[in-house]
Structure formats: C-alpha cells, structure tokens
Amino acid sequence: MNRFQQFLLFTLCCWGWVCCKPSPQLPVEVSAKRMQEIYERIKTPYKYGVVFQHSDTTKLVDSPTIFRHEGQWYMTYIVFDGKGYETWLAKSGNLLDWEEMGRLLSFTQDTWDANQKAGYLALVDTDWGAGNEAGTHAGKYWMSYLGGATEGYEAGTLGVGMAKSDHLDRAEEWERIDDPVLLPGDSSARWFETDKIYKSHIIRDEDQLTGYPFVMYYNAKGDTATYESIGMAGSEDMVNWARIGEGPVITRGEGICGDAQLVKIDDVYVMFYFGAFWKPGAFERFACSYDLVHWTDWEGEDLVAPSEPYDSQYAHKPWVIRWEGVTYHFYNAVGDQGRVIALATSVPLN
C-alpha cells in the first residue's frame, strides 16, 4: 500500500468515526442554579392591570396567544357566552391597548365541535426576545383548538381539532379539519387523558429532539386521574398525531397543571403553565428542559399569583413574551371585573 492509499484509508476512517460518533446526551435535569437564573430572567413582579375584556362584558374572555405580524401585534383569545367557546381576534400597536376584531372559529351545527371551539395559534416563534411571529406549514397558518359538541362550560367530550388559514390579520373563519386529531376515547389514550383533553400548544421542533418536527403539549384528565396533567404528542404533518411517552410530563397528582406555552432561552426550553388547587387559588408556574421531554419543575415563588381585586380569584393561563427589553406576562384574571386579560411585566410601565 503506497502513501496515497494509506492517506486515503486514514481519511475514510476518520470520516466514518465522525459520522458514526453518537450525539452527546442532553442532561435530563436542569440544575437548581440554572433554574434560579431562568427565574431571574422571566419574572414579572409589576402588575400593569387589565388590558382587555370583551365589548359585551357579560361574555368571558380567556387564554390569550400573542404574536406579531407585519409590524402589528395580534391576540387570539377565546370567548365563553354560556353556550360554549368561540375563538376571536384582537390587535394592538403597543401590547397595552387592544381592539376587538371578530371571530375566527364560530359555533356550527351538527359537527363534532358544534358548541366548543377554543383556539390556540400554533407555531409561534419560541426564541426568547425574537420576533414573536407565527410560522407556516404547507403554506398555511395553523391553529389547534379544544372542540366538543355539548353546550355548557367545558361540557361533554372534549378533544383537539385543527384549523388552518392563509391569513393571520383578518377576522374571518378558519378552515377546520373535518375530524378531531386527538380524543380521550382514542385507543392510544393514556391513563391521565381518558376523560377530557383541554388546551393545546404546538411548537416547531427544528432539531427533532422528539423525533417529530411538530410537538403538541396539552392538559387533560382521566377517568381515574381526575386532576389535570400536561402530556405531549408529535406529528409529521400537523394533522396526524402520535402520543409521546407513557405518562404526563408535568403533574402534581392533584388539582390542575395546564395551558402550557414554550419559549427557548439559550439552550433551555422554558414551559410556562398554570397551577391550581394543589394549593389555594390559581397561579403561574414554569418548568425547564433541554430535550422537550424531561422537565424540571420550578419549586420556588409563583411567577404571577392573585394579589389585586381584578385577579383575586385566579391569575392563570399564561402567554409570555420578551420585547424590546421588557418581559410581558399576559394572563387570564378572574376577580371583580369578571374574566378578563391582565398583564404583569418585568419593569414598571405605569
């Protein structure tokens, strides 16, 4: 074997070693020190107050999703009028003053989701402090929603539906996929989700840490697990979903853990969620992960908790963004002004 052949063999061996070398294993747990660092970056101790309520104050608003599109801020939110949920849109120029625009998902007749369509915009940019814009798949914007046919407050069978649209800035009906994509009666349903499936949140997993390009987090309860926990599912196409894991990723075994929202701060994913009834009231929490599957729950102070007349009963259901050096923590407040959208921030704005 001549020198050129020896060099070629050595090069091929090195290339094979690099290509076949396994990827470094991501840590399963986030250290207490890192959790504290994250808390210091996301905390919002200053309550600005109520920023939005329905023009008909007899109707209840809930579950804000905030995003930016063509230089304007928008909010999808859900409205309950006693019959069920519909999904609406509002806009703002400054994140503080919001204008009601109209419906995106409305009541229908004789469909699996006739009286419940509580929507949550999907694929919003998770990079902390970036553009807060919504991404597309197959040329469409997407929204998952809590769906059901029974009238009343979260009554009857509830599952997850999907809808899509060409536009983000118009108050017009989104095109719904005919059938639900996840139901508590599915053969693949796990023990903690066999009764109802509630709010869902879909992100793009560009590194496919989960094995899927799209990941959904949702809270659910079971026939025997009467508390709400957060589970996850993955998809290749936003329509067909496979449950990931055998159990929930966040649970307290009592009360509620729900309404997840994810952002990424450096190399750490942060899940904002609310807790309720495993201690008094409803309040905002967070957990952290390196791989989207294994989560370390924060055990310290609540991010937001009841303290004002307008959120004296509940301060819950987060949507948190970082914009121009300020952290905005939108949440559903229940108190002396009914069910409204309130805001807490990292610096005083008043």
Protein backbone atom coordinates (compact mmCIF):
# COMPACT_ATOMS: atom_id res chain seq x y z
CA MET A 1 0.00 0.00 0.00
CA ASN A 2 1.52 3.31 -1.09
CA ARG A 3 1.43 6.55 0.91
CA PHE A 4 -1.54 7.92 -1.05
CA GLN A 5 -3.57 4.77 -0.34
CA GLN A 6 -2.60 4.93 3.34
CA PHE A 7 -3.69 8.58 3.50
CA LEU A 8 -6.97 7.81 1.76
CA LEU A 9 -7.70 4.92 4.15
CA PHE A 10 -6.89 7.12 7.17
CA THR A 11 -9.17 9.88 5.87
CA LEU A 12 -12.06 7.49 5.30
CA CYS A 13 -11.68 6.02 8.77
CA CYS A 14 -11.69 9.49 10.36
CA TRP A 15 -14.78 10.48 8.36
CA GLY A 16 -16.57 7.32 9.43
CA TRP A 17 -15.69 7.90 13.08
CA VAL A 18 -17.06 11.45 12.97
CA CYS A 19 -20.26 10.42 11.17
CA CYS A 20 -20.93 7.45 13.40
CA LYS A 21 -19.99 9.11 16.66
CA PRO A 22 -23.15 9.34 18.80
CA SER A 23 -24.53 12.77 19.63
CA PRO A 24 -23.78 13.96 23.17
CA GLN A 25 -26.54 13.05 25.58
CA LEU A 26 -28.53 16.06 26.76
CA PRO A 27 -28.91 16.40 30.53
CA VAL A 28 -32.18 15.04 31.91
CA GLU A 29 -32.40 17.53 34.77
CA VAL A 30 -31.84 21.27 34.90
CA SER A 31 -29.74 22.31 37.87
CA ALA A 32 -31.14 24.39 40.71
CA LYS A 33 -28.66 27.13 39.83
CA ARG A 34 -29.84 27.26 36.22
CA MET A 35 -33.48 27.22 37.29
CA GLN A 36 -32.82 30.23 39.52
CA GLU A 37 -31.06 32.02 36.64
CA ILE A 38 -34.06 31.39 34.39
CA TYR A 39 -36.45 32.64 37.07
CA GLU A 40 -34.50 35.89 37.35
CA ARG A 41 -34.81 36.38 33.58
CA ILE A 42 -38.53 35.67 33.28
CA LYS A 43 -40.03 37.06 36.49
CA THR A 44 -42.63 39.82 36.15
CA PRO A 45 -43.23 41.37 39.58
CA TYR A 46 -45.01 44.51 38.32
CA LYS A 47 -48.72 44.23 37.60
CA TYR A 48 -49.89 46.65 34.93
CA GLY A 49 -53.57 45.75 35.24
CA VAL A 50 -56.40 44.71 32.94
CA VAL A 51 -55.58 45.21 29.24
CA PHE A 52 -58.56 43.56 27.54
CA GLN A 53 -62.15 42.49 28.09
CA HIS A 54 -64.97 41.70 25.72
CA SER A 55 -67.08 44.59 24.41
CA ASP A 56 -70.06 42.71 25.84
CA THR A 57 -68.94 42.46 29.44
CA THR A 58 -71.37 39.60 30.11
CA LYS A 59 -69.06 37.41 27.99
CA LEU A 60 -65.90 35.91 29.45
CA VAL A 61 -62.52 36.08 27.71
CA ASP A 62 -59.70 33.62 28.24
CA SER A 63 -56.42 32.06 27.02
CA PRO A 64 -54.53 34.79 25.12
CA THR A 65 -51.98 33.94 22.42
CA ILE A 66 -49.92 36.99 21.46
CA PHE A 67 -47.99 37.23 18.18
CA ARG A 68 -46.57 39.82 15.80
CA HIS A 69 -47.42 40.09 12.12
CA GLU A 70 -46.30 42.75 9.64
CA GLY A 71 -45.44 45.25 12.36
CA GLN A 72 -48.68 44.81 14.31
CA TRP A 73 -49.48 42.84 17.47
CA TYR A 74 -52.39 40.40 17.47
CA MET A 75 -54.09 38.28 20.10
CA THR A 76 -56.17 35.18 19.58
CA TYR A 77 -58.37 34.52 22.57
CA ILE A 78 -61.46 32.53 23.47
CA VAL A 79 -64.89 33.79 24.45
CA PHE A 80 -67.44 31.95 26.59
CA ASP A 81 -71.06 33.14 26.46
CA GLY A 82 -72.81 30.41 28.46
CA LYS A 83 -73.31 28.17 25.44
CA GLY A 84 -69.68 27.34 24.76
CA TYR A 85 -66.36 28.63 23.42
CA GLU A 86 -65.64 30.57 20.25
CA THR A 87 -62.26 31.96 19.12
CA TRP A 88 -61.75 35.67 18.43
CA LEU A 89 -59.01 38.05 17.27
CA ALA A 90 -57.80 41.42 18.59
CA LYS A 91 -54.98 43.76 17.56
CA SER A 92 -52.70 46.31 19.21
CA GLY A 93 -49.95 48.74 18.31
CA ASN A 94 -48.26 48.73 21.71
CA LEU A 95 -49.22 45.49 23.57
CA LEU A 96 -51.27 47.55 26.04
CA ASP A 97 -54.27 48.89 24.11
CA TRP A 98 -56.27 46.22 22.28
CA GLU A 99 -59.01 46.46 19.65
CA GLU A 100 -61.57 43.70 19.21
CA MET A 101 -61.73 42.46 15.59
CA GLY A 102 -64.11 39.49 15.45
CA ARG A 103 -64.43 35.71 15.23
CA LEU A 104 -62.04 33.10 13.84
CA LEU A 105 -63.86 29.94 14.95
CA SER A 106 -67.63 30.16 15.46
CA PHE A 107 -70.44 27.86 16.54
CA THR A 108 -71.65 25.40 13.90
CA GLN A 109 -74.47 22.87 13.62
CA ASP A 110 -74.29 19.09 13.63
CA THR A 111 -70.50 18.84 13.84
CA TRP A 112 -68.30 17.12 16.41
CA ASP A 113 -67.23 20.61 17.59
CA ALA A 114 -70.59 22.39 17.25
CA ASN A 115 -70.52 24.25 20.59
CA GLN A 116 -66.86 24.33 21.61
CA LYS A 117 -64.07 25.86 19.51
CA ALA A 118 -61.41 27.29 21.81
CA GLY A 119 -58.44 28.05 19.56
CA TYR A 120 -54.72 28.49 20.18
CA LEU A 121 -52.47 29.74 17.38
CA ALA A 122 -49.70 27.25 16.53
CA LEU A 123 -46.04 27.55 15.52
CA VAL A 124 -45.38 30.92 17.15
CA ASP A 125 -41.63 31.59 17.29
CA THR A 126 -40.23 30.21 20.56
CA ASP A 127 -36.92 32.11 20.55
CA TRP A 128 -36.90 34.37 23.58
CA GLY A 129 -36.74 38.01 22.56
CA ALA A 130 -37.06 37.29 18.85
CA GLY A 131 -39.86 38.27 16.50
CA ASN A 132 -42.84 36.50 18.14
CA GLU A 133 -44.12 35.71 14.65
CA ALA A 134 -46.16 32.68 13.64
CA GLY A 135 -44.68 30.16 11.23
CA THR A 136 -46.40 28.19 8.50
CA HIS A 137 -46.59 24.60 7.32
CA ALA A 138 -47.57 23.66 3.77
CA GLY A 139 -48.16 27.34 3.08
CA LYS A 140 -50.80 27.75 5.81
CA TYR A 141 -51.05 29.16 9.31
CA TRP A 142 -52.36 26.63 11.83
CA MET A 143 -54.42 26.64 14.99
CA SER A 144 -55.27 23.82 17.35
CA TYR A 145 -58.47 24.07 19.35
CA LEU A 146 -60.44 22.49 22.14
CA GLY A 147 -63.54 21.10 20.46
CA GLY A 148 -66.79 19.49 21.52
CA ALA A 149 -70.49 19.28 20.67
CA THR A 150 -72.10 19.70 24.10
CA GLU A 151 -73.35 23.06 25.35
CA GLY A 152 -72.01 24.42 28.63
CA TYR A 153 -68.70 25.18 30.30
CA GLU A 154 -66.22 22.56 29.06
CA ALA A 155 -69.08 20.05 28.98
CA GLY A 156 -69.25 16.65 27.32
CA THR A 157 -66.48 15.00 25.32
CA LEU A 158 -63.63 17.41 24.60
CA GLY A 159 -60.81 16.74 22.15
CA VAL A 160 -58.33 18.54 19.93
CA GLY A 161 -59.21 19.87 16.48
CA MET A 162 -57.06 21.59 13.86
CA ALA A 163 -57.78 24.57 11.62
CA LYS A 164 -55.75 26.46 9.02
CA SER A 165 -55.80 29.78 7.18
CA ASP A 166 -53.99 31.86 4.57
CA HIS A 167 -54.23 34.93 6.79
CA LEU A 168 -53.39 35.98 10.35
CA ASP A 169 -54.73 39.53 10.36
CA ARG A 170 -58.36 39.04 9.32
CA ALA A 171 -61.41 38.29 11.44
CA GLU A 172 -62.70 35.56 9.17
CA GLU A 173 -63.48 31.88 9.66
CA TRP A 174 -60.56 29.46 9.56
CA GLU A 175 -60.84 26.22 7.59
CA ARG A 176 -61.34 23.37 10.05
CA ILE A 177 -60.11 19.81 9.53
CA ASP A 178 -63.25 17.67 9.48
CA ASP A 179 -62.33 15.26 12.27
CA PRO A 180 -60.68 15.68 15.67
CA VAL A 181 -56.98 14.82 15.82
CA LEU A 182 -56.92 13.71 19.48
CA LEU A 183 -59.77 12.37 21.61
CA PRO A 184 -59.93 10.93 25.13
CA GLY A 185 -61.57 7.82 23.64
CA ASP A 186 -58.69 7.03 21.27
CA SER A 187 -57.20 3.55 21.64
CA SER A 188 -53.82 5.24 22.24
CA ALA A 189 -55.15 7.48 25.04
CA ARG A 190 -53.17 7.13 28.24
CA TRP A 191 -54.47 6.81 31.78
CA PHE A 192 -54.27 10.54 32.51
CA GLU A 193 -56.27 11.66 29.41
CA THR A 194 -59.23 9.29 29.09
CA ASP A 195 -61.89 11.83 30.19
CA LYS A 196 -61.19 15.25 28.62
CA ILE A 197 -58.43 16.97 26.65
CA TYR A 198 -58.21 20.74 27.17
CA LYS A 199 -55.87 23.46 25.88
CA SER A 200 -53.16 22.55 23.35
CA HIS A 201 -49.96 24.34 22.32
CA ILE A 202 -47.96 23.41 19.21
CA ILE A 203 -44.34 24.32 18.52
CA ARG A 204 -41.90 23.51 15.74
CA ASP A 205 -39.11 21.17 16.92
CA GLU A 206 -36.47 22.08 14.33
CA ASP A 207 -33.87 19.74 15.85
CA GLN A 208 -36.46 16.94 16.10
CA LEU A 209 -35.37 16.17 19.65
CA THR A 210 -38.62 14.26 19.98
CA GLY A 211 -38.34 12.56 16.60
CA TYR A 212 -41.05 14.83 15.16
CA PRO A 213 -40.92 18.26 13.51
CA PHE A 214 -44.09 19.38 15.36
CA VAL A 215 -44.81 18.89 19.05
CA MET A 216 -48.04 19.47 20.92
CA TYR A 217 -48.40 19.94 24.67
CA TYR A 218 -51.87 19.69 26.16
CA ASN A 219 -53.56 19.29 29.52
CA ALA A 220 -56.00 16.50 30.16
CA LYS A 221 -57.66 14.48 32.87
CA GLY A 222 -58.62 10.83 33.06
CA ASP A 223 -61.46 8.69 34.35
CA THR A 224 -59.39 7.77 37.40
CA ALA A 225 -56.87 10.63 37.21
CA THR A 226 -59.44 13.31 37.97
CA TYR A 227 -56.74 16.00 38.16
CA GLU A 228 -55.26 17.72 35.09
CA SER A 229 -51.73 16.97 33.86
CA ILE A 230 -49.71 18.04 30.82
CA GLY A 231 -48.88 15.44 28.17
CA MET A 232 -47.32 15.62 24.72
CA ALA A 233 -47.72 14.34 21.17
CA GLY A 234 -45.77 14.63 17.92
CA SER A 235 -46.65 14.98 14.25
CA GLU A 236 -45.08 14.98 10.80
CA ASP A 237 -47.90 16.93 9.12
CA MET A 238 -49.90 18.85 11.79
CA VAL A 239 -52.90 16.54 11.25
CA ASN A 240 -51.85 13.04 12.32
CA TRP A 241 -50.59 12.99 15.91
CA ALA A 242 -48.85 10.29 17.95
CA ARG A 243 -48.73 10.44 21.73
CA ILE A 244 -45.22 10.60 23.21
CA GLY A 245 -44.37 8.70 26.40
CA GLU A 246 -46.45 6.66 28.79
CA GLY A 247 -47.34 9.41 31.25
CA PRO A 248 -47.57 13.19 31.66
CA VAL A 249 -44.53 15.45 31.54
CA ILE A 250 -45.89 17.79 34.23
CA THR A 251 -48.25 16.73 37.02
CA ARG A 252 -48.86 17.26 40.71
CA GLY A 253 -51.23 14.33 41.10
CA GLU A 254 -53.93 16.74 42.23
CA GLY A 255 -55.55 19.98 41.11
CA ILE A 256 -54.51 21.36 37.70
CA CYS A 257 -51.31 21.77 35.74
CA GLY A 258 -52.29 23.23 32.38
CA ASP A 259 -52.14 25.69 29.49
CA ALA A 260 -48.51 25.25 28.53
CA GLN A 261 -46.58 27.82 26.50
CA LEU A 262 -42.97 27.20 25.44
CA VAL A 263 -40.04 29.53 24.77
CA LYS A 264 -36.34 28.83 24.37
CA ILE A 265 -33.78 30.81 26.36
CA ASP A 266 -30.26 29.99 25.15
CA ASP A 267 -30.10 26.16 25.34
CA VAL A 268 -33.01 25.74 27.76
CA TYR A 269 -36.68 25.32 26.89
CA VAL A 270 -38.99 27.03 29.35
CA MET A 271 -42.58 25.89 29.76
CA PHE A 272 -44.91 28.46 31.29
CA TYR A 273 -48.06 26.89 32.71
CA PHE A 274 -50.60 27.48 35.43
CA GLY A 275 -51.24 25.55 38.60
CA ALA A 276 -54.47 25.42 40.55
CA PHE A 277 -55.93 23.77 43.62
CA TRP A 278 -52.84 21.83 44.73
CA LYS A 279 -52.52 24.95 46.83
CA PRO A 280 -55.13 27.70 47.14
CA GLY A 281 -56.26 29.52 44.01
CA ALA A 282 -54.73 29.54 40.53
CA PHE A 283 -51.25 30.88 39.79
CA GLU A 284 -48.49 30.91 37.16
CA ARG A 285 -45.57 28.44 37.21
CA PHE A 286 -42.77 27.22 34.93
CA ALA A 287 -40.58 24.21 34.20
CA CYS A 288 -37.35 23.77 32.18
CA SER A 289 -35.95 21.16 29.81
CA TYR A 290 -33.03 20.53 27.48
CA ASP A 291 -34.78 17.94 25.31
CA LEU A 292 -38.53 18.85 25.38
CA VAL A 293 -39.32 15.51 27.05
CA HIS A 294 -37.77 15.59 30.53
CA TRP A 295 -38.88 18.59 32.57
CA THR A 296 -37.58 20.04 35.83
CA ASP A 297 -40.35 21.80 37.72
CA TRP A 298 -39.67 25.11 39.46
CA GLU A 299 -40.27 24.83 43.19
CA GLY A 300 -39.86 28.49 44.07
CA GLU A 301 -42.09 31.55 44.05
CA ASP A 302 -45.04 31.84 41.66
CA LEU A 303 -44.45 33.96 38.56
CA VAL A 304 -47.88 35.56 38.98
CA ALA A 305 -50.41 34.98 41.75
CA PRO A 306 -53.66 36.62 42.93
CA SER A 307 -53.00 39.93 44.66
CA GLU A 308 -55.31 42.55 43.13
CA PRO A 309 -59.10 42.96 43.05
CA TYR A 310 -59.20 42.09 39.33
CA ASP A 311 -57.28 38.80 39.82
CA SER A 312 -58.27 38.00 43.40
CA GLN A 313 -59.76 34.62 42.47
CA TYR A 314 -57.48 33.39 39.67
CA ALA A 315 -54.28 34.58 37.99
CA HIS A 316 -53.63 31.91 35.37
CA LYS A 317 -53.29 30.77 31.71
CA PRO A 318 -50.03 32.43 30.63
CA TRP A 319 -48.65 33.89 27.43
CA VAL A 320 -45.21 35.40 27.99
CA ILE A 321 -43.04 37.33 25.53
CA ARG A 322 -39.85 39.37 25.62
CA TRP A 323 -39.95 42.55 23.55
CA GLU A 324 -37.51 45.48 23.45
CA GLY A 325 -36.01 44.63 26.82
CA VAL A 326 -39.30 44.08 28.64
CA THR A 327 -40.97 40.80 29.62
CA TYR A 328 -44.75 40.86 29.17
CA HIS A 329 -46.71 38.19 31.01
CA PHE A 330 -50.31 38.13 29.80
CA TYR A 331 -52.72 36.05 31.83
CA ASN A 332 -56.38 35.40 32.48
CA ALA A 333 -57.54 37.27 35.56
CA VAL A 334 -60.73 36.49 37.45
CA GLY A 335 -61.91 38.93 40.08
CA ASP A 336 -64.09 42.00 40.47
CA GLN A 337 -64.07 42.71 36.70
CA GLY A 338 -65.13 39.24 35.66
CA ARG A 339 -62.92 37.07 33.43
CA VAL A 340 -60.50 39.38 31.60
CA ILE A 341 -56.94 39.54 30.22
CA ALA A 342 -54.40 41.17 32.53
CA LEU A 343 -50.69 41.92 32.26
CA ALA A 344 -47.64 41.74 34.51
CA THR A 345 -44.21 43.00 33.41
CA SER A 346 -40.53 42.82 34.33
CA VAL A 347 -40.29 46.58 34.77
CA PRO A 348 -42.95 49.09 35.87
CA LEU A 349 -44.87 50.56 32.91
CA ASN A 350 -47.37 52.72 34.79
